[in-house]
Amino acid sequence: MSKSRHSVNAWLKNLDAKFNLDDSGRCFLQRDNKTGVVVYAPEEGDEVFLYSDLMRVPDNIPPTFYEKILTLNSQTSRTNGAFITFEASSNQLIAMFAQPIQALDAQIFQNILQNLPRTIESLRTQIKDIWLDCQHNLTTKPVMPSVSHA
């Protein structure tokens, strides 16, 4: 086990003795019935990743939906430092938080894990609002008259 992975594993065990990184460097944490978080510490690298499902993307995606999601990614005050990515194999939007392991200690790691579920719930609400706004715009968008060139 790499030194970085060993540090993350120790912080997890500090939270609860039953928490442990598996062979792939992942540990699934379930805070409540709605919010599960995966902690991932790759063998190679010096960052720890925390991620959670936000929303399964429906088949009928409004044209501006991803544009608005990408815009949300650039507003870190609204995402609390997390970023949203698309996982194609599961058709899910994922909230991802990455942090250099050197910048963490057990207390900071614990604080991040305690705050992440609130961030995830906030992102879920914001994405739902974006989805509804995009759907609303589809139904109320004025039809532009065709222009003929004489």
N, C-alpha and C. Protein backbone atom coordinates (compact mmCIF):
# COMPACT_ATOMS: atom_id res chain seq x y z
N MET A 1 0.85 -1.18 0.00
CA MET A 1 0.00 0.00 0.00
C MET A 1 0.89 1.24 0.00
N SER A 2 0.59 2.17 -0.90
CA SER A 2 1.38 3.40 -0.97
C SER A 2 1.20 4.23 0.30
N LYS A 3 2.14 5.13 0.51
CA LYS A 3 2.08 6.00 1.69
C LYS A 3 0.79 6.83 1.68
N SER A 4 0.43 7.36 0.50
CA SER A 4 -0.78 8.18 0.40
C SER A 4 -2.01 7.35 0.72
N ARG A 5 -2.09 6.17 0.13
CA ARG A 5 -3.25 5.30 0.38
C ARG A 5 -3.28 4.89 1.85
N HIS A 6 -2.12 4.64 2.43
CA HIS A 6 -2.05 4.28 3.84
C HIS A 6 -2.61 5.41 4.72
N SER A 7 -2.29 6.66 4.38
CA SER A 7 -2.80 7.81 5.15
C SER A 7 -4.32 7.86 5.08
N VAL A 8 -4.89 7.74 3.88
CA VAL A 8 -6.35 7.78 3.72
C VAL A 8 -6.98 6.63 4.49
N ASN A 9 -6.39 5.45 4.42
CA ASN A 9 -6.94 4.31 5.14
C ASN A 9 -6.94 4.55 6.65
N ALA A 10 -5.87 5.16 7.15
CA ALA A 10 -5.79 5.47 8.58
C ALA A 10 -6.87 6.48 8.98
N TRP A 11 -7.10 7.48 8.12
CA TRP A 11 -8.15 8.47 8.43
C TRP A 11 -9.53 7.82 8.44
N LEU A 12 -9.76 6.89 7.52
CA LEU A 12 -11.04 6.18 7.51
C LEU A 12 -11.22 5.36 8.78
N LYS A 13 -10.19 4.66 9.18
CA LYS A 13 -10.25 3.84 10.40
C LYS A 13 -10.44 4.73 11.63
N ASN A 14 -9.91 5.95 11.58
CA ASN A 14 -10.09 6.90 12.67
C ASN A 14 -11.58 7.27 12.81
N LEU A 15 -12.29 7.30 11.68
CA LEU A 15 -13.73 7.59 11.71
C LEU A 15 -14.51 6.42 12.29
N ASP A 16 -14.14 5.21 11.85
CA ASP A 16 -14.81 3.99 12.30
C ASP A 16 -13.93 2.81 11.94
N ALA A 17 -13.69 1.93 12.88
CA ALA A 17 -12.77 0.80 12.66
C ALA A 17 -13.21 -0.09 11.50
N LYS A 18 -14.49 -0.09 11.16
CA LYS A 18 -14.96 -0.97 10.07
C LYS A 18 -14.67 -0.39 8.68
N PHE A 19 -14.30 0.89 8.61
CA PHE A 19 -13.99 1.50 7.31
C PHE A 19 -12.57 1.11 6.88
N ASN A 20 -12.48 0.72 5.61
CA ASN A 20 -11.20 0.27 5.10
C ASN A 20 -11.22 0.37 3.58
N LEU A 21 -10.11 0.82 3.00
CA LEU A 21 -10.00 0.82 1.54
C LEU A 21 -9.91 -0.63 1.06
N ASP A 22 -10.62 -0.94 -0.02
CA ASP A 22 -10.53 -2.28 -0.59
C ASP A 22 -9.29 -2.36 -1.48
N ASP A 23 -9.12 -3.47 -2.17
CA ASP A 23 -7.93 -3.67 -3.00
C ASP A 23 -7.81 -2.65 -4.12
N SER A 24 -8.95 -2.09 -4.57
CA SER A 24 -8.90 -1.09 -5.63
C SER A 24 -8.71 0.32 -5.08
N GLY A 25 -8.64 0.45 -3.75
CA GLY A 25 -8.42 1.76 -3.12
C GLY A 25 -9.70 2.52 -2.84
N ARG A 26 -10.84 1.80 -2.79
CA ARG A 26 -12.13 2.44 -2.57
C ARG A 26 -12.78 2.00 -1.25
N CYS A 27 -13.56 2.92 -0.71
CA CYS A 27 -14.37 2.63 0.47
C CYS A 27 -15.70 3.35 0.29
N PHE A 28 -16.79 2.60 0.42
CA PHE A 28 -18.12 3.18 0.28
C PHE A 28 -18.65 3.54 1.66
N LEU A 29 -19.09 4.80 1.81
CA LEU A 29 -19.64 5.28 3.08
C LEU A 29 -21.09 5.66 2.84
N GLN A 30 -21.98 5.17 3.69
CA GLN A 30 -23.40 5.48 3.56
C GLN A 30 -23.84 6.23 4.79
N ARG A 31 -24.05 7.54 4.65
CA ARG A 31 -24.44 8.37 5.79
C ARG A 31 -25.91 8.20 6.11
N ASP A 32 -26.73 8.18 5.07
CA ASP A 32 -28.17 8.05 5.23
C ASP A 32 -28.71 7.29 4.03
N ASN A 33 -30.02 7.19 3.92
CA ASN A 33 -30.63 6.44 2.82
C ASN A 33 -30.48 7.13 1.48
N LYS A 34 -30.11 8.41 1.48
CA LYS A 34 -30.06 9.17 0.23
C LYS A 34 -28.65 9.42 -0.28
N THR A 35 -27.67 9.44 0.59
CA THR A 35 -26.36 9.92 0.19
C THR A 35 -25.26 8.93 0.54
N GLY A 36 -24.74 8.28 -0.48
CA GLY A 36 -23.57 7.44 -0.33
C GLY A 36 -22.38 8.14 -0.95
N VAL A 37 -21.22 7.98 -0.35
CA VAL A 37 -20.00 8.61 -0.84
C VAL A 37 -18.94 7.53 -0.99
N VAL A 38 -18.24 7.56 -2.11
CA VAL A 38 -17.11 6.67 -2.32
C VAL A 38 -15.84 7.47 -2.10
N VAL A 39 -14.96 6.94 -1.28
CA VAL A 39 -13.63 7.50 -1.09
C VAL A 39 -12.71 6.65 -1.95
N TYR A 40 -11.92 7.30 -2.78
CA TYR A 40 -11.02 6.58 -3.68
C TYR A 40 -9.61 7.17 -3.57
N ALA A 41 -8.68 6.31 -3.23
CA ALA A 41 -7.27 6.69 -3.15
C ALA A 41 -6.50 5.77 -4.09
N PRO A 42 -6.20 6.26 -5.30
CA PRO A 42 -5.48 5.40 -6.25
C PRO A 42 -4.08 5.06 -5.73
N GLU A 43 -3.61 3.88 -6.14
CA GLU A 43 -2.27 3.43 -5.72
C GLU A 43 -1.20 4.42 -6.20
N GLU A 44 -1.32 4.85 -7.43
CA GLU A 44 -0.40 5.84 -7.99
C GLU A 44 -1.07 7.20 -7.90
N GLY A 45 -0.39 8.17 -7.40
CA GLY A 45 -0.95 9.50 -7.31
C GLY A 45 -0.94 10.02 -5.90
N ASP A 46 -1.24 11.29 -5.78
CA ASP A 46 -1.18 11.93 -4.47
C ASP A 46 -2.47 12.68 -4.14
N GLU A 47 -3.58 12.25 -4.75
CA GLU A 47 -4.87 12.86 -4.46
C GLU A 47 -5.84 11.81 -3.96
N VAL A 48 -6.79 12.26 -3.18
CA VAL A 48 -7.91 11.43 -2.77
C VAL A 48 -9.15 12.00 -3.46
N PHE A 49 -10.01 11.11 -3.91
CA PHE A 49 -11.23 11.50 -4.61
C PHE A 49 -12.42 11.02 -3.80
N LEU A 50 -13.41 11.90 -3.68
CA LEU A 50 -14.67 11.53 -3.04
C LEU A 50 -15.75 11.81 -4.06
N TYR A 51 -16.64 10.85 -4.27
CA TYR A 51 -17.67 11.06 -5.27
C TYR A 51 -18.98 10.39 -4.88
N SER A 52 -20.05 10.90 -5.50
CA SER A 52 -21.39 10.42 -5.20
C SER A 52 -22.28 10.65 -6.41
N ASP A 53 -23.24 9.75 -6.61
CA ASP A 53 -24.22 9.93 -7.67
C ASP A 53 -25.11 11.13 -7.36
N LEU A 54 -25.42 11.88 -8.41
CA LEU A 54 -26.33 13.01 -8.27
C LEU A 54 -27.68 12.74 -8.93
N MET A 55 -27.62 12.21 -10.16
CA MET A 55 -28.86 12.06 -10.92
C MET A 55 -28.61 11.15 -12.11
N ARG A 56 -29.54 10.26 -12.37
CA ARG A 56 -29.51 9.51 -13.61
C ARG A 56 -30.05 10.45 -14.69
N VAL A 57 -29.33 10.55 -15.78
CA VAL A 57 -29.72 11.47 -16.85
C VAL A 57 -30.76 10.78 -17.72
N PRO A 58 -31.94 11.38 -17.83
CA PRO A 58 -32.99 10.80 -18.68
C PRO A 58 -32.59 10.82 -20.15
N ASP A 59 -33.30 10.04 -20.93
CA ASP A 59 -33.00 9.94 -22.36
C ASP A 59 -33.34 11.22 -23.11
N ASN A 60 -34.35 11.93 -22.69
CA ASN A 60 -34.80 13.14 -23.41
C ASN A 60 -34.15 14.40 -22.84
N ILE A 61 -32.86 14.55 -23.09
CA ILE A 61 -32.08 15.66 -22.53
C ILE A 61 -32.40 16.95 -23.28
N PRO A 62 -32.84 17.98 -22.57
CA PRO A 62 -33.02 19.28 -23.22
C PRO A 62 -31.67 19.79 -23.75
N PRO A 63 -31.67 20.48 -24.86
CA PRO A 63 -30.42 20.91 -25.50
C PRO A 63 -29.49 21.74 -24.60
N THR A 64 -30.02 22.53 -23.71
CA THR A 64 -29.17 23.42 -22.90
C THR A 64 -28.77 22.81 -21.56
N PHE A 65 -29.22 21.62 -21.26
CA PHE A 65 -28.99 21.02 -19.95
C PHE A 65 -27.49 20.91 -19.63
N TYR A 66 -26.72 20.27 -20.50
CA TYR A 66 -25.29 20.10 -20.22
C TYR A 66 -24.54 21.42 -20.21
N GLU A 67 -24.97 22.34 -21.03
CA GLU A 67 -24.36 23.67 -21.02
C GLU A 67 -24.51 24.32 -19.65
N LYS A 68 -25.69 24.21 -19.07
CA LYS A 68 -25.93 24.80 -17.74
C LYS A 68 -25.17 24.05 -16.65
N ILE A 69 -25.03 22.74 -16.80
CA ILE A 69 -24.26 21.96 -15.83
C ILE A 69 -22.79 22.37 -15.89
N LEU A 70 -22.26 22.54 -17.09
CA LEU A 70 -20.87 22.98 -17.22
C LEU A 70 -20.67 24.37 -16.62
N THR A 71 -21.65 25.23 -16.80
CA THR A 71 -21.58 26.56 -16.21
C THR A 71 -21.58 26.46 -14.68
N LEU A 72 -22.39 25.57 -14.14
CA LEU A 72 -22.42 25.36 -12.69
C LEU A 72 -21.04 24.93 -12.19
N ASN A 73 -20.34 24.10 -12.95
CA ASN A 73 -18.99 23.67 -12.56
C ASN A 73 -18.04 24.83 -12.36
N SER A 74 -18.23 25.91 -13.08
CA SER A 74 -17.32 27.05 -12.96
C SER A 74 -17.68 27.96 -11.78
N GLN A 75 -18.75 27.67 -11.09
CA GLN A 75 -19.20 28.49 -9.96
C GLN A 75 -18.94 27.74 -8.65
N THR A 76 -17.69 27.73 -8.25
CA THR A 76 -17.29 26.92 -7.10
C THR A 76 -18.01 27.30 -5.80
N SER A 77 -18.51 28.51 -5.71
CA SER A 77 -19.26 28.88 -4.51
C SER A 77 -20.59 28.11 -4.45
N ARG A 78 -21.11 27.71 -5.61
CA ARG A 78 -22.35 26.93 -5.65
C ARG A 78 -22.10 25.44 -5.53
N THR A 79 -20.88 25.00 -5.86
CA THR A 79 -20.57 23.57 -5.81
C THR A 79 -19.72 23.20 -4.59
N ASN A 80 -19.33 24.18 -3.81
CA ASN A 80 -18.47 23.97 -2.64
C ASN A 80 -17.19 23.22 -2.98
N GLY A 81 -16.64 23.52 -4.15
CA GLY A 81 -15.38 22.92 -4.56
C GLY A 81 -15.50 21.60 -5.28
N ALA A 82 -16.69 21.04 -5.31
CA ALA A 82 -16.90 19.79 -6.06
C ALA A 82 -17.09 20.14 -7.53
N PHE A 83 -16.96 19.15 -8.39
CA PHE A 83 -17.29 19.36 -9.79
C PHE A 83 -18.17 18.22 -10.25
N ILE A 84 -18.93 18.49 -11.28
CA ILE A 84 -19.90 17.52 -11.78
C ILE A 84 -19.35 16.91 -13.06
N THR A 85 -19.44 15.60 -13.13
CA THR A 85 -18.98 14.88 -14.30
C THR A 85 -20.05 13.88 -14.71
N PHE A 86 -19.94 13.39 -15.94
CA PHE A 86 -20.90 12.43 -16.47
C PHE A 86 -20.23 11.07 -16.56
N GLU A 87 -20.87 10.05 -16.00
CA GLU A 87 -20.38 8.68 -16.05
C GLU A 87 -21.22 7.94 -17.08
N ALA A 88 -20.67 7.76 -18.28
CA ALA A 88 -21.43 7.23 -19.41
C ALA A 88 -21.94 5.80 -19.19
N SER A 89 -21.16 4.95 -18.55
CA SER A 89 -21.57 3.56 -18.40
C SER A 89 -22.82 3.40 -17.53
N SER A 90 -23.02 4.33 -16.59
CA SER A 90 -24.22 4.27 -15.74
C SER A 90 -25.22 5.37 -16.07
N ASN A 91 -24.86 6.24 -17.01
CA ASN A 91 -25.72 7.36 -17.41
C ASN A 91 -26.05 8.25 -16.20
N GLN A 92 -25.04 8.49 -15.36
CA GLN A 92 -25.21 9.26 -14.13
C GLN A 92 -24.37 10.52 -14.15
N LEU A 93 -24.93 11.58 -13.55
CA LEU A 93 -24.11 12.73 -13.20
C LEU A 93 -23.53 12.42 -11.82
N ILE A 94 -22.25 12.72 -11.67
CA ILE A 94 -21.52 12.40 -10.45
C ILE A 94 -20.93 13.68 -9.88
N ALA A 95 -21.03 13.84 -8.57
CA ALA A 95 -20.31 14.92 -7.88
C ALA A 95 -18.97 14.36 -7.47
N MET A 96 -17.90 15.08 -7.82
CA MET A 96 -16.54 14.62 -7.54
C MET A 96 -15.80 15.72 -6.80
N PHE A 97 -15.10 15.31 -5.77
CA PHE A 97 -14.27 16.23 -5.01
C PHE A 97 -12.88 15.62 -4.95
N ALA A 98 -11.88 16.36 -5.37
CA ALA A 98 -10.50 15.88 -5.36
C ALA A 98 -9.66 16.80 -4.49
N GLN A 99 -8.77 16.20 -3.72
CA GLN A 99 -7.93 16.99 -2.83
C GLN A 99 -6.56 16.35 -2.73
N PRO A 100 -5.48 17.14 -2.81
CA PRO A 100 -4.15 16.58 -2.59
C PRO A 100 -4.04 16.02 -1.17
N ILE A 101 -3.55 14.83 -1.04
CA ILE A 101 -3.45 14.18 0.27
C ILE A 101 -2.51 14.97 1.19
N GLN A 102 -1.48 15.58 0.63
CA GLN A 102 -0.55 16.36 1.45
C GLN A 102 -1.23 17.53 2.15
N ALA A 103 -2.34 18.02 1.58
CA ALA A 103 -3.04 19.17 2.16
C ALA A 103 -4.01 18.76 3.26
N LEU A 104 -4.10 17.46 3.53
CA LEU A 104 -5.09 16.96 4.49
C LEU A 104 -4.42 16.38 5.73
N ASP A 105 -5.21 16.33 6.77
CA ASP A 105 -4.90 15.53 7.94
C ASP A 105 -6.22 14.87 8.37
N ALA A 106 -6.21 14.12 9.43
CA ALA A 106 -7.41 13.39 9.84
C ALA A 106 -8.60 14.32 10.08
N GLN A 107 -8.36 15.47 10.72
CA GLN A 107 -9.45 16.39 11.03
C GLN A 107 -10.03 17.03 9.78
N ILE A 108 -9.19 17.48 8.87
CA ILE A 108 -9.68 18.10 7.63
C ILE A 108 -10.45 17.08 6.81
N PHE A 109 -9.91 15.85 6.72
CA PHE A 109 -10.58 14.78 6.00
C PHE A 109 -11.97 14.51 6.59
N GLN A 110 -12.05 14.44 7.90
CA GLN A 110 -13.33 14.23 8.57
C GLN A 110 -14.30 15.39 8.29
N ASN A 111 -13.81 16.62 8.32
CA ASN A 111 -14.66 17.78 8.02
C ASN A 111 -15.22 17.71 6.59
N ILE A 112 -14.36 17.33 5.65
CA ILE A 112 -14.81 17.20 4.26
C ILE A 112 -15.92 16.16 4.17
N LEU A 113 -15.71 15.01 4.79
CA LEU A 113 -16.72 13.95 4.74
C LEU A 113 -18.02 14.37 5.43
N GLN A 114 -17.92 15.15 6.48
CA GLN A 114 -19.13 15.62 7.16
C GLN A 114 -19.90 16.64 6.32
N ASN A 115 -19.19 17.48 5.57
CA ASN A 115 -19.84 18.51 4.77
C ASN A 115 -20.28 18.04 3.40
N LEU A 116 -19.68 16.99 2.88
CA LEU A 116 -19.97 16.54 1.53
C LEU A 116 -21.44 16.14 1.32
N PRO A 117 -22.10 15.45 2.23
CA PRO A 117 -23.52 15.14 1.99
C PRO A 117 -24.40 16.37 1.79
N ARG A 118 -24.13 17.45 2.52
CA ARG A 118 -24.90 18.69 2.32
C ARG A 118 -24.63 19.26 0.93
N THR A 119 -23.37 19.21 0.52
CA THR A 119 -23.02 19.67 -0.82
C THR A 119 -23.73 18.84 -1.88
N ILE A 120 -23.76 17.55 -1.70
CA ILE A 120 -24.41 16.66 -2.66
C ILE A 120 -25.90 16.95 -2.73
N GLU A 121 -26.54 17.12 -1.60
CA GLU A 121 -27.96 17.44 -1.60
C GLU A 121 -28.23 18.78 -2.27
N SER A 122 -27.36 19.76 -2.02
CA SER A 122 -27.50 21.06 -2.67
C SER A 122 -27.34 20.93 -4.18
N LEU A 123 -26.34 20.15 -4.62
CA LEU A 123 -26.14 19.95 -6.05
C LEU A 123 -27.32 19.24 -6.68
N ARG A 124 -27.87 18.26 -5.99
CA ARG A 124 -29.05 17.55 -6.51
C ARG A 124 -30.21 18.52 -6.73
N THR A 125 -30.41 19.40 -5.77
CA THR A 125 -31.48 20.40 -5.88
C THR A 125 -31.20 21.34 -7.05
N GLN A 126 -29.96 21.82 -7.16
CA GLN A 126 -29.61 22.73 -8.24
C GLN A 126 -29.77 22.07 -9.61
N ILE A 127 -29.37 20.81 -9.71
CA ILE A 127 -29.50 20.09 -10.99
C ILE A 127 -30.96 19.85 -11.33
N LYS A 128 -31.74 19.53 -10.32
CA LYS A 128 -33.18 19.36 -10.56
C LYS A 128 -33.78 20.67 -11.06
N ASP A 129 -33.40 21.78 -10.44
CA ASP A 129 -33.89 23.09 -10.89
C ASP A 129 -33.44 23.40 -12.32
N ILE A 130 -32.20 23.06 -12.64
CA ILE A 130 -31.71 23.27 -14.01
C ILE A 130 -32.53 22.42 -14.98
N TRP A 131 -32.76 21.17 -14.62
CA TRP A 131 -33.55 20.27 -15.46
C TRP A 131 -34.96 20.84 -15.69
N LEU A 132 -35.60 21.25 -14.61
CA LEU A 132 -36.96 21.80 -14.73
C LEU A 132 -36.96 23.08 -15.56
N ASP A 133 -35.96 23.93 -15.37
CA ASP A 133 -35.86 25.15 -16.15
C ASP A 133 -35.68 24.83 -17.64
N CYS A 134 -34.84 23.86 -17.94
CA CYS A 134 -34.64 23.47 -19.34
C CYS A 134 -35.92 22.89 -19.94
N GLN A 135 -36.62 22.09 -19.16
CA GLN A 135 -37.89 21.51 -19.62
C GLN A 135 -38.92 22.61 -19.86
N HIS A 136 -38.97 23.57 -18.92
CA HIS A 136 -39.92 24.69 -19.03
C HIS A 136 -39.62 25.51 -20.29
N ASN A 137 -38.34 25.76 -20.53
CA ASN A 137 -37.95 26.55 -21.70
C ASN A 137 -38.30 25.83 -23.00
N LEU A 138 -38.30 24.51 -22.98
CA LEU A 138 -38.68 23.76 -24.18
C LEU A 138 -40.15 23.97 -24.52
N THR A 139 -40.98 24.06 -23.47
CA THR A 139 -42.42 24.17 -23.70
C THR A 139 -42.89 25.60 -23.91
N THR A 140 -42.09 26.58 -23.46
CA THR A 140 -42.54 27.98 -23.58
C THR A 140 -41.70 28.77 -24.57
N LYS A 141 -40.77 28.14 -25.22
CA LYS A 141 -39.88 28.84 -26.14
C LYS A 141 -40.68 29.35 -27.34
N PRO A 142 -40.59 30.65 -27.61
CA PRO A 142 -41.33 31.18 -28.75
C PRO A 142 -40.76 30.61 -30.04
N VAL A 143 -41.64 30.41 -30.97
CA VAL A 143 -41.23 29.91 -32.28
C VAL A 143 -40.80 31.11 -33.11
N MET A 144 -39.60 31.05 -33.63
CA MET A 144 -39.09 32.13 -34.44
C MET A 144 -39.69 32.02 -35.84
N PRO A 145 -40.20 33.12 -36.36
CA PRO A 145 -40.73 33.06 -37.72
C PRO A 145 -39.61 32.83 -38.70
N SER A 146 -39.92 32.13 -39.76
CA SER A 146 -38.90 31.89 -40.77
C SER A 146 -38.66 33.19 -41.54
N VAL A 147 -37.45 33.40 -41.91
CA VAL A 147 -37.08 34.62 -42.62
C VAL A 147 -36.80 34.24 -44.07
N SER A 148 -37.44 34.96 -44.96
CA SER A 148 -37.18 34.70 -46.37
C SER A 148 -36.25 35.78 -46.89
N HIS A 149 -35.38 35.38 -47.74
CA HIS A 149 -34.44 36.32 -48.34
C HIS A 149 -34.89 36.59 -49.77
N ALA A 150 -35.24 37.81 -50.05
CA ALA A 150 -35.73 38.15 -51.39
C ALA A 150 -34.62 38.58 -52.29
